[in-house]
C-alpha cells in the first residue's frame, strides 16, 4: 500500500512540475483599445491598421492608399521619427509576410489593398553565386558585384504572400510603416 501511495505521489508531483515548466503561450496580436493599431507581442511591434493614405474610422480603413517610391517611404519614416520621436520604419520582409495571404491578416487589417508593399529588406541571398549559371547572369548576379542591388528593393504581395527582390526602387508601391510596441 505504501508503494502504491508513493508511486501515486511521485506521478502527481512529476506532472505538476512538468506543467509548471511549460512556458506560457505567447499572446496573440490584437488591436489597441481605439482600434487604430495592432500590437504584436511576439515581434514587439505596433502596426497601423491602415496603410498610408487611408484612415481608421473605428470599424475599417477608408480612403485611398498612397503609393510611394522606396525613397519616399524611407523619407516618410524619417520625418515621422523626427516629428514624434518614435522609430518608425518600413517592415522587414519576414515581418510583413507574416500577415500576407492569411485570415488573421485580413481580420486585423480590414480593407488593406491586396497589392505589393515595400519592405526594408535590402538583400536576402548572401551566398556566393556561380557567375556562369544562366539564372545568375540573367538576374545580373555575375562575378562579385551586384550591379542592380542599389536600384532594386524587396516587396511583398499581400494577396498572395509572394516576395520579390527585383522591384525598381522608383516604382510606386503601397506602404505600411511599423513602430516599436507602446
Foldseek 3Di string as FASTA:
>chain_A
DVVVVVVVVVVVVVVVVVVVPDDDDADAWDADPQLQWTQGPVVQKIWGLEFPQWGDPSQATDGDFFWAFLVVQQVVQVVCCVVPVFNKDFAALVVLLVLAQDPVVCVSRPPYDQAKEFHPDQDDDPDDDDLPDPVCVVCQNHDDDRVCSVQWAWIARRHPSDIDTGHGRRDTDITIMMTGHD
